[in-house]
Amino acid sequence: MIIQLSTTGLNVLQTDTDVVWFTDPYPALYSHPLAQQALIIQKDLPFANAGVIYARAGAGSGSAWVLHELQARVATFSFHP
């Protein structure tokens, strides 16, 4: 299910079960330079890693496309390796 963040006003932090937070991530997400970003994704060069994703409400169509594409690729990898 795709939720339009721009209409709900919600920010979303998604993490895999193998991610461990030793401290609250929100102070870093709301501080410079991350506070200016609409979409924060863990990198796994040359790919985006779905292990940590933070999407801000009001993210533009580019961010929405990235999230949709990431979800589609994870589904493809999971069900059609």
Protein backbone atom coordinates (compact mmCIF):
# COMPACT_ATOMS: atom_id res chain seq x y z
CA MET A 1 0.00 0.00 0.00
CA ILE A 2 1.36 3.42 -0.94
CA ILE A 3 0.49 6.27 1.43
CA GLN A 4 0.75 9.80 0.15
CA LEU A 5 2.86 11.54 2.82
CA SER A 6 1.93 14.95 1.48
CA THR A 7 -1.75 14.39 2.31
CA THR A 8 -1.29 12.75 5.72
CA GLY A 9 1.28 15.15 7.16
CA LEU A 10 3.19 12.18 8.62
CA ASN A 11 6.93 11.59 8.59
CA VAL A 12 7.88 7.93 8.29
CA LEU A 13 10.95 6.16 9.69
CA GLN A 14 11.24 2.57 8.45
CA THR A 15 14.02 0.25 9.60
CA ASP A 16 14.79 -3.42 9.11
CA THR A 17 14.77 -5.77 12.07
CA ASP A 18 18.56 -6.05 11.93
CA VAL A 19 18.99 -2.30 12.60
CA VAL A 20 19.88 -1.35 16.17
CA TRP A 21 19.48 2.19 17.50
CA PHE A 22 21.85 2.95 20.37
CA THR A 23 20.42 6.45 20.66
CA ASP A 24 17.33 8.33 19.51
CA PRO A 25 17.77 9.08 15.75
CA TYR A 26 15.35 12.00 15.68
CA PRO A 27 17.73 14.70 16.99
CA ALA A 28 20.07 13.91 14.07
CA LEU A 29 17.19 13.82 11.57
CA TYR A 30 16.04 17.28 12.68
CA SER A 31 19.51 18.86 12.77
CA HIS A 32 21.55 20.38 9.95
CA PRO A 33 22.21 19.06 7.31
CA LEU A 34 19.62 16.24 7.50
CA ALA A 35 16.82 18.62 8.49
CA GLN A 36 16.84 19.99 4.93
CA GLN A 37 16.39 16.60 3.26
CA ALA A 38 13.03 15.22 2.12
CA LEU A 39 14.28 11.65 1.89
CA ILE A 40 17.08 9.93 3.80
CA ILE A 41 18.08 6.42 2.70
CA GLN A 42 20.91 4.22 3.90
CA LYS A 43 23.36 3.73 1.07
CA ASP A 44 24.76 0.43 -0.03
CA LEU A 45 26.75 1.56 -3.04
CA PRO A 46 25.86 1.62 -5.79
CA PHE A 47 22.33 0.95 -4.50
CA ALA A 48 19.93 2.35 -1.94
CA ASN A 49 19.48 -0.02 0.99
CA ALA A 50 15.94 -0.39 2.33
CA GLY A 51 17.34 -1.00 5.84
CA VAL A 52 16.86 2.61 6.94
CA ILE A 53 14.51 5.03 5.23
CA TYR A 54 13.20 8.34 6.56
CA ALA A 55 10.64 10.25 4.49
CA ARG A 56 9.37 13.67 5.45
CA ALA A 57 5.80 14.78 4.92
CA GLY A 58 5.45 17.03 1.92
CA ALA A 59 8.24 15.28 0.03
CA GLY A 60 8.02 16.08 -3.65
CA SER A 61 7.23 13.84 -6.58
CA GLY A 62 10.91 12.89 -6.95
CA SER A 63 10.96 11.46 -3.44
CA ALA A 64 7.69 9.65 -4.05
CA TRP A 65 9.15 8.09 -7.21
CA VAL A 66 12.27 6.92 -5.34
CA LEU A 67 10.17 5.30 -2.60
CA HIS A 68 7.91 3.60 -5.12
CA GLU A 69 10.87 2.36 -7.16
CA LEU A 70 12.67 1.10 -4.04
CA GLN A 71 9.56 -0.81 -2.95
CA ALA A 72 9.15 -2.34 -6.40
CA ARG A 73 12.79 -3.45 -6.53
CA VAL A 74 12.67 -4.98 -3.05
CA ALA A 75 9.53 -6.89 -4.05
CA THR A 76 11.15 -8.07 -7.29
CA PHE A 77 14.30 -9.18 -5.48
CA SER A 78 12.28 -10.94 -2.78
CA PHE A 79 9.86 -12.82 -5.01
CA HIS A 80 11.78 -13.17 -8.31
CA PRO A 81 15.49 -13.40 -7.49
